[in-house]
Amino acid sequence: MNKAKLSRALLSAFPSRAKFAMLLSQRFNVHYDTLTPQSTVDVEYHNIVVQVAAEGWLEALARAAHEAVPGNPQLADLMVEEGLTSGARVSDGAATVIAEKPKTRLERLVRENSAFTDIATFLARLSALEGQTCRIELSGSPPRAIGTGFLVGPDLVMTNQHVIEGLEKGTRMICRFDYLVDAGGVQVRAGAAVPVADDWLVRAQPPDPSDESLEETDPPAPENLDFALIRLAQPVGEMPRDGEEGPDNPPRGWIAIDPALQAGEGDDLFILQHPEGAPLKLGVGRLTALHGNGLRWRHDVATEGGSSGSPVFNRELALIGLHHAGDPNYFRIALFNQAIPIARIVHWLQDKVDPFWTQAPP
C-alpha cells in the first residue's frame, strides 16, 4: 500500500488528532501516543502509518478509516486503487459512495503518478490563468511581440531574462492580457494593453552558457536562472478584467507561488503561451527528465519562438516552472524543451526583493 497516500488521506479524513486517536482506541485498542512521538499532525500521521505497516495491520487501518468516514474522497479513492473493495467511487448527491463494479478490471491506471481531474474545477482555474498570462510587446505600429509573461503580483510580471536582454530601462514595452481567439476560433480579442513602469526592471538573472551547449555534462550555475521581473505601470492584478469590480466581476488576480511544490519525471505539464506571438495557446505534455542537478527540467510540451517566459503548471494547474529554452542542437529534430523550477527562482530571490510570493491573490 502507498504509505504517503494513506497518510494524506488520513489527514484529510481526520484533521483532528482526537478523532483519529478515538478510532485507534475503539477499533484496535491502541493508544495514539504509543505509535508516534509528538510532532506536527502530518508528521505524526506519517509515523503512525510507518509503524502500523511494520506491525502488519495497515490494510485493516485503511478499511476502518474508510468505514468511519465513508464520505472522504481520498480514502474512497485509496480503497479502490489498492483493491480493498470491489467497488468504484461515485458521487450520489452530497454523499460519496462505493459502487459495485465487475470483478475483472478492464480499466487500469497506467502511470503511478497519473490521476483524474474534475472538469469544472480545471476549466474555472484555466479561465483565471488566461487572464493572468500576457504577451510581451515592444511598442510600435504595429507592436512587436517578443515573448510571454505572467502576473506574480498586482503589478509584477515574470518572464525570461533573454526576452528583455539588451533593452534599456526607458524602453516602451507593453504587456498585453486577454489576447485570445473567441470560442468559435474566428475573432481575435485585442485584450488589455498595459504599459510597463518607467523603471520597469525589478530583478533579472541571465541564462547559463550550458543552456546553449551541446555538451550534456555541462551543469548550469545555480544563479543563472534566466528570469526577469517586470514592474507594470498599474496594478492590473487588483483590477477586474473588464468593467467595474463587483460580485460577478472579481479582480484579475495573479498566479500564486508555492515554493514547496516539486515535480518529477513523468509528471503532466501544461504551458500557457503566445507561440510566435499568436493569441494564447495551451500546450500539454510531460516532464521527461531532471537535468543539471535539478536546475533544469526537460519536457516535451510543444513550444515555439515567443513561448519564452511562459508559466509551467502541474496537473492541478499550480505554477511550478518557467519555460525558457529548447534543444540547442539544431542539426536534429528537437529532443526536448526546457524549463526552470520556480522554487529555484524564489530561493535565489530570498532577501533580495520583497517576498511577493507570500502575497495571496484576491
Protein backbone atom coordinates (compact mmCIF):
# COMPACT_ATOMS: atom_id res chain seq x y z
CA MET A 1 0.00 0.00 0.00
CA ASN A 2 1.15 3.53 -0.79
CA LYS A 3 2.02 4.88 2.67
CA ALA A 4 2.26 8.52 1.53
CA LYS A 5 -1.24 8.42 0.01
CA LEU A 6 -2.68 6.80 3.12
CA SER A 7 -1.04 9.44 5.34
CA ARG A 8 -2.54 12.24 3.26
CA ALA A 9 -5.94 10.56 3.18
CA LEU A 10 -5.96 10.11 6.96
CA LEU A 11 -5.03 13.75 7.44
CA SER A 12 -7.88 14.75 5.15
CA ALA A 13 -10.39 12.50 6.91
CA PHE A 14 -9.19 13.15 10.48
CA PRO A 15 -7.86 16.72 10.73
CA SER A 16 -8.27 16.40 14.48
CA ARG A 17 -5.84 14.15 16.38
CA ALA A 18 -8.58 13.39 18.89
CA LYS A 19 -10.88 11.73 16.35
CA PHE A 20 -8.08 9.64 14.89
CA ALA A 21 -6.98 8.65 18.39
CA MET A 22 -10.55 7.58 19.14
CA LEU A 23 -10.59 5.35 16.04
CA LEU A 24 -7.31 3.69 17.05
CA SER A 25 -8.55 3.12 20.58
CA GLN A 26 -12.04 1.85 19.76
CA ARG A 27 -11.21 -0.32 16.75
CA PHE A 28 -7.73 -1.60 17.63
CA ASN A 29 -7.31 -0.94 21.35
CA VAL A 30 -4.12 1.01 20.57
CA HIS A 31 -3.15 4.30 22.16
CA TYR A 32 -2.21 7.07 19.70
CA ASP A 33 0.83 8.18 21.72
CA THR A 34 2.42 4.71 21.61
CA LEU A 35 2.69 4.88 17.81
CA THR A 36 4.41 8.25 17.36
CA PRO A 37 6.38 10.88 19.25
CA GLN A 38 4.78 14.32 19.47
CA SER A 39 5.27 16.48 16.39
CA THR A 40 3.12 18.26 13.80
CA VAL A 41 -0.06 16.40 12.80
CA ASP A 42 1.18 15.42 9.33
CA VAL A 43 4.44 14.02 10.71
CA GLU A 44 2.61 12.12 13.44
CA TYR A 45 0.23 10.53 10.91
CA HIS A 46 3.18 9.55 8.72
CA ASN A 47 4.93 7.96 11.72
CA ILE A 48 1.77 6.06 12.62
CA VAL A 49 1.38 4.70 9.10
CA VAL A 50 5.01 3.55 9.04
CA GLN A 51 4.67 1.87 12.44
CA VAL A 52 1.36 0.21 11.60
CA ALA A 53 2.85 -1.09 8.33
CA ALA A 54 5.74 -2.59 10.28
CA GLU A 55 3.26 -4.31 12.59
CA GLY A 56 1.28 -5.70 9.67
CA TRP A 57 -2.20 -4.16 10.05
CA LEU A 58 -2.07 -1.26 7.57
CA GLU A 59 -4.91 -2.55 5.36
CA ALA A 60 -7.11 -3.02 8.43
CA LEU A 61 -6.43 0.59 9.43
CA ALA A 62 -7.33 1.85 5.93
CA ARG A 63 -10.60 -0.10 5.93
CA ALA A 64 -11.51 1.10 9.43
CA ALA A 65 -10.79 4.71 8.49
CA HIS A 66 -12.97 4.47 5.38
CA GLU A 67 -15.81 2.89 7.37
CA ALA A 68 -15.55 5.70 9.94
CA VAL A 69 -15.53 8.46 7.28
CA PRO A 70 -17.16 6.92 4.17
CA GLY A 71 -17.69 10.31 2.55
CA ASN A 72 -14.00 11.20 2.35
CA PRO A 73 -12.97 11.10 -1.34
CA GLN A 74 -9.27 10.45 -0.72
CA LEU A 75 -9.99 7.38 1.39
CA ALA A 76 -12.58 6.20 -1.13
CA ASP A 77 -10.09 6.54 -3.98
CA LEU A 78 -7.42 4.72 -1.99
CA MET A 79 -9.75 1.81 -1.27
CA VAL A 80 -10.37 1.35 -4.99
CA GLU A 81 -6.76 1.86 -6.08
CA GLU A 82 -5.42 -0.63 -3.55
CA GLY A 83 -8.06 -3.23 -4.38
CA LEU A 84 -9.52 -3.16 -0.88
CA THR A 85 -13.03 -3.08 -2.33
CA SER A 86 -14.68 -4.40 -5.47
CA GLY A 87 -16.48 -1.09 -5.88
CA ALA A 88 -15.74 2.16 -7.65
CA ARG A 89 -16.09 5.59 -6.09
CA VAL A 90 -19.08 7.57 -7.39
CA SER A 91 -20.90 10.68 -6.21
CA ASP A 92 -24.52 10.43 -5.10
CA GLY A 93 -25.63 13.99 -4.38
CA ALA A 94 -23.64 15.26 -1.42
CA ALA A 95 -22.52 11.76 -0.40
CA THR A 96 -19.60 9.73 -1.67
CA VAL A 97 -20.30 6.01 -2.01
CA ILE A 98 -18.54 2.92 -3.33
CA ALA A 99 -20.48 1.48 -6.26
CA GLU A 100 -20.10 -2.17 -7.16
CA LYS A 101 -18.13 -2.94 -10.31
CA PRO A 102 -17.22 -6.11 -12.22
CA LYS A 103 -14.58 -8.34 -10.67
CA THR A 104 -12.45 -8.16 -13.84
CA ARG A 105 -10.68 -4.83 -14.12
CA LEU A 106 -10.80 -3.77 -17.76
CA GLU A 107 -9.51 -0.26 -16.98
CA ARG A 108 -6.26 0.44 -15.20
CA LEU A 109 -4.12 3.41 -14.22
CA VAL A 110 -1.07 3.12 -16.46
CA ARG A 111 1.19 5.51 -14.55
CA GLU A 112 1.53 5.68 -10.79
CA ASN A 113 1.54 9.48 -10.88
CA SER A 114 -1.47 9.76 -13.19
CA ALA A 115 -4.84 10.83 -11.83
CA PHE A 116 -8.24 12.19 -12.77
CA THR A 117 -9.15 15.87 -12.88
CA ASP A 118 -12.52 17.41 -12.14
CA ILE A 119 -13.59 19.19 -15.34
CA ALA A 120 -15.42 22.12 -13.74
CA THR A 121 -12.55 22.86 -11.37
CA PHE A 122 -9.99 22.60 -14.18
CA LEU A 123 -11.89 24.91 -16.54
CA ALA A 124 -12.52 27.52 -13.85
CA ARG A 125 -8.84 27.53 -12.91
CA LEU A 126 -7.75 27.70 -16.56
CA SER A 127 -10.07 30.63 -17.22
CA ALA A 128 -8.47 32.59 -14.38
CA LEU A 129 -4.96 31.78 -15.60
CA GLU A 130 -5.83 33.02 -19.10
CA GLY A 131 -6.32 36.49 -17.66
CA GLN A 132 -3.03 36.35 -15.78
CA THR A 133 -0.82 35.42 -18.74
CA CYS A 134 0.32 38.08 -21.20
CA ARG A 135 2.12 38.70 -24.46
CA ILE A 136 5.14 40.97 -24.02
CA GLU A 137 5.49 43.52 -26.80
CA LEU A 138 7.71 46.38 -27.86
CA SER A 139 5.63 49.47 -28.56
CA GLY A 140 5.30 50.44 -32.19
CA SER A 141 2.93 50.42 -35.11
CA PRO A 142 2.32 47.58 -35.19
CA PRO A 143 3.73 46.39 -31.82
CA ARG A 144 6.32 43.59 -31.96
CA ALA A 145 5.79 40.51 -29.80
CA ILE A 146 8.97 39.35 -28.04
CA GLY A 147 7.78 36.76 -25.53
CA THR A 148 5.28 35.58 -22.95
CA GLY A 149 4.94 36.62 -19.29
CA PHE A 150 2.61 36.12 -16.34
CA LEU A 151 1.44 38.04 -13.29
CA VAL A 152 3.01 37.03 -9.98
CA GLY A 153 1.82 40.10 -8.08
CA PRO A 154 -0.63 43.00 -8.54
CA ASP A 155 1.81 44.84 -10.85
CA LEU A 156 4.62 42.30 -11.26
CA VAL A 157 5.21 40.15 -14.35
CA MET A 158 7.72 37.30 -14.67
CA THR A 159 9.36 36.31 -17.96
CA ASN A 160 12.81 35.22 -19.18
CA GLN A 161 15.83 37.48 -18.96
CA HIS A 162 16.72 36.65 -22.53
CA VAL A 163 13.32 38.04 -23.65
CA ILE A 164 14.24 41.55 -22.44
CA GLU A 165 18.03 41.26 -22.86
CA GLY A 166 19.57 44.43 -24.27
CA LEU A 167 16.51 46.61 -23.68
CA GLU A 168 17.10 49.89 -21.91
CA LYS A 169 15.11 50.81 -18.81
CA GLY A 170 13.30 53.54 -20.74
CA THR A 171 12.19 51.16 -23.50
CA ARG A 172 8.47 51.44 -24.23
CA MET A 173 7.13 47.98 -23.57
CA ILE A 174 3.60 46.59 -23.22
CA CYS A 175 2.16 43.52 -21.51
CA ARG A 176 -1.00 42.52 -23.41
CA PHE A 177 -3.50 40.46 -21.41
CA ASP A 178 -6.55 38.56 -22.75
CA TYR A 179 -5.10 38.33 -26.25
CA LEU A 180 -7.31 35.39 -27.23
CA VAL A 181 -9.33 33.86 -30.03
CA ASP A 182 -13.05 33.56 -29.30
CA ALA A 183 -14.75 30.21 -28.71
CA GLY A 184 -15.65 29.94 -32.38
CA GLY A 185 -11.99 30.31 -33.34
CA VAL A 186 -12.76 33.30 -35.54
CA GLN A 187 -12.44 36.67 -33.81
CA VAL A 188 -9.22 37.69 -32.11
CA ARG A 189 -9.73 39.75 -28.96
CA ALA A 190 -7.16 42.52 -28.70
CA GLY A 191 -7.27 42.36 -24.92
CA ALA A 192 -5.84 44.90 -22.49
CA ALA A 193 -2.51 46.54 -23.30
CA VAL A 194 -0.79 47.54 -20.05
CA PRO A 195 2.41 49.64 -20.27
CA VAL A 196 5.37 48.90 -18.03
CA ALA A 197 6.52 51.37 -15.39
CA ASP A 198 9.22 53.91 -16.21
CA ASP A 199 11.70 51.99 -14.06
CA TRP A 200 10.33 48.60 -15.08
CA LEU A 201 13.16 46.15 -14.42
CA VAL A 202 12.99 44.84 -10.84
CA ARG A 203 15.38 41.87 -10.93
CA ALA A 204 16.87 39.58 -13.55
CA GLN A 205 19.33 36.74 -13.90
CA PRO A 206 20.76 35.51 -17.22
CA PRO A 207 20.57 32.06 -18.75
CA ASP A 208 23.58 29.79 -18.40
CA PRO A 209 26.05 29.09 -21.22
CA SER A 210 25.23 25.39 -20.78
CA ASP A 211 21.68 26.10 -21.99
CA GLU A 212 23.15 26.53 -25.47
CA SER A 213 25.90 23.94 -25.15
CA LEU A 214 25.88 20.61 -26.96
CA GLU A 215 27.82 19.09 -24.05
CA GLU A 216 25.21 17.37 -21.90
CA THR A 217 27.61 17.18 -18.97
CA ASP A 218 27.84 20.97 -18.56
CA PRO A 219 25.87 21.84 -15.39
CA PRO A 220 24.30 25.31 -15.13
CA ALA A 221 25.39 27.65 -12.37
CA PRO A 222 22.75 27.89 -9.60
CA GLU A 223 22.36 31.64 -10.05
CA ASN A 224 21.87 31.54 -13.84
CA LEU A 225 18.10 31.11 -13.82
CA ASP A 226 17.06 33.10 -16.94
CA PHE A 227 14.25 35.07 -15.33
CA ALA A 228 13.21 38.73 -15.17
CA LEU A 229 10.70 40.57 -13.00
CA ILE A 230 8.98 43.49 -14.73
CA ARG A 231 7.01 46.23 -12.98
CA LEU A 232 3.80 47.40 -14.66
CA ALA A 233 2.55 50.98 -14.64
CA GLN A 234 -0.64 49.92 -12.84
CA PRO A 235 -1.71 47.10 -10.51
CA VAL A 236 -3.87 45.20 -13.01
CA GLY A 237 -4.00 42.19 -10.70
CA GLU A 238 -6.18 44.18 -8.31
CA MET A 239 -8.49 45.37 -11.12
CA PRO A 240 -11.26 43.41 -12.90
CA ARG A 241 -10.52 42.12 -16.38
CA ASP A 242 -13.24 44.36 -17.84
CA GLY A 243 -15.66 46.92 -16.43
CA GLU A 244 -16.36 47.77 -12.82
CA GLU A 245 -15.48 45.41 -9.98
CA GLY A 246 -18.46 43.64 -8.44
CA PRO A 247 -19.66 40.28 -7.05
CA ASP A 248 -19.76 38.79 -10.56
CA ASN A 249 -16.68 40.65 -11.81
CA PRO A 250 -13.79 39.97 -9.41
CA PRO A 251 -10.24 41.30 -9.75
CA ARG A 252 -8.00 39.73 -12.37
CA GLY A 253 -5.72 38.34 -9.67
CA TRP A 254 -2.27 36.85 -10.19
CA ILE A 255 -0.66 33.42 -10.15
CA ALA A 256 0.14 32.21 -6.66
CA ILE A 257 3.52 30.64 -5.96
CA ASP A 258 4.11 27.77 -3.56
CA PRO A 259 7.90 27.27 -3.32
CA ALA A 260 7.34 23.88 -1.71
CA LEU A 261 5.82 22.37 -4.86
CA GLN A 262 8.06 19.89 -6.64
CA ALA A 263 7.85 17.83 -9.83
CA GLY A 264 9.30 14.57 -11.08
CA GLU A 265 9.84 12.62 -14.26
CA GLY A 266 6.60 11.61 -15.94
CA ASP A 267 4.50 14.37 -14.35
CA ASP A 268 1.91 16.05 -16.56
CA LEU A 269 2.73 19.63 -17.56
CA PHE A 270 0.61 22.44 -19.01
CA ILE A 271 2.08 25.60 -20.56
CA LEU A 272 0.12 28.76 -21.42
CA GLN A 273 1.98 30.63 -24.14
CA HIS A 274 1.97 33.01 -27.11
CA PRO A 275 3.90 30.94 -29.69
CA GLU A 276 5.19 33.16 -32.50
CA GLY A 277 3.19 35.98 -30.90
CA ALA A 278 -0.12 34.21 -31.62
CA PRO A 279 -3.19 34.50 -29.38
CA LEU A 280 -2.89 32.50 -26.17
CA LYS A 281 -2.44 28.73 -26.59
CA LEU A 282 -2.24 25.78 -24.22
CA GLY A 283 0.46 23.13 -24.65
CA VAL A 284 0.27 19.77 -22.89
CA GLY A 285 3.00 17.21 -22.23
CA ARG A 286 5.19 15.66 -19.57
CA LEU A 287 8.34 16.32 -17.64
CA THR A 288 10.79 13.92 -19.26
CA ALA A 289 13.99 14.41 -17.25
CA LEU A 290 15.59 16.33 -14.40
CA HIS A 291 18.76 17.92 -15.72
CA GLY A 292 21.68 19.89 -14.31
CA ASN A 293 21.27 18.79 -10.70
CA GLY A 294 17.58 19.66 -10.86
CA LEU A 295 18.20 23.23 -12.03
CA ARG A 296 16.54 22.43 -15.36
CA TRP A 297 13.50 20.35 -16.31
CA ARG A 298 13.39 18.74 -19.72
CA HIS A 299 9.86 18.40 -21.13
CA ASP A 300 8.02 17.53 -24.34
CA VAL A 301 5.38 20.28 -24.36
CA ALA A 302 5.19 21.93 -27.81
CA THR A 303 6.58 25.50 -27.83
CA GLU A 304 7.88 27.94 -30.42
CA GLY A 305 9.60 31.30 -30.56
CA GLY A 306 7.52 33.68 -28.47
CA SER A 307 6.85 30.99 -25.86
CA SER A 308 9.88 32.07 -23.83
CA GLY A 309 8.78 33.24 -20.39
CA SER A 310 5.66 31.07 -20.28
CA PRO A 311 4.31 29.67 -16.99
CA VAL A 312 4.53 25.91 -16.48
CA PHE A 313 1.77 24.24 -14.46
CA ASN A 314 1.25 20.81 -12.95
CA ARG A 315 -1.88 18.66 -13.24
CA GLU A 316 -3.72 20.83 -10.71
CA LEU A 317 -2.71 23.95 -12.70
CA ALA A 318 -0.45 25.14 -9.90
CA LEU A 319 2.60 27.14 -11.04
CA ILE A 320 5.79 25.08 -10.81
CA GLY A 321 8.10 26.26 -13.58
CA LEU A 322 9.24 28.90 -16.08
CA HIS A 323 9.68 27.71 -19.68
CA HIS A 324 12.79 29.19 -21.27
CA ALA A 325 14.54 27.13 -23.94
CA GLY A 326 14.67 24.18 -26.29
CA ASP A 327 17.15 21.62 -27.55
CA PRO A 328 20.19 23.66 -28.71
CA ASN A 329 21.23 21.04 -31.28
CA TYR A 330 19.70 22.42 -34.49
CA PHE A 331 21.22 19.60 -36.57
CA ARG A 332 18.49 17.18 -35.41
CA ILE A 333 14.81 17.10 -34.60
CA ALA A 334 14.46 18.64 -31.13
CA LEU A 335 14.57 16.03 -28.38
CA PHE A 336 13.36 18.29 -25.58
CA ASN A 337 12.23 21.69 -24.40
CA GLN A 338 13.38 23.08 -21.09
CA ALA A 339 12.02 24.88 -18.02
CA ILE A 340 13.39 26.24 -14.75
CA PRO A 341 11.78 25.32 -11.41
CA ILE A 342 10.01 28.28 -9.81
CA ALA A 343 11.23 27.09 -6.42
CA ARG A 344 14.84 27.72 -7.52
CA ILE A 345 14.00 31.26 -8.59
CA VAL A 346 12.23 32.04 -5.32
CA HIS A 347 15.17 30.61 -3.38
CA TRP A 348 17.57 32.95 -5.21
CA LEU A 349 15.26 35.94 -4.62
CA GLN A 350 15.12 35.42 -0.86
CA ASP A 351 16.28 38.60 0.92
CA LYS A 352 16.80 40.39 -2.41
CA VAL A 353 13.23 41.63 -3.03
CA ASP A 354 10.02 41.98 -1.09
CA PRO A 355 8.66 38.40 -0.88
CA PHE A 356 5.85 38.83 -3.43
CA TRP A 357 5.29 35.06 -3.43
CA THR A 358 3.82 35.31 0.09
CA GLN A 359 1.06 37.72 -1.03
CA ALA A 360 -2.11 35.73 -1.69
CA PRO A 361 -4.14 36.71 -4.77
CA PRO A 362 -7.65 38.14 -4.23
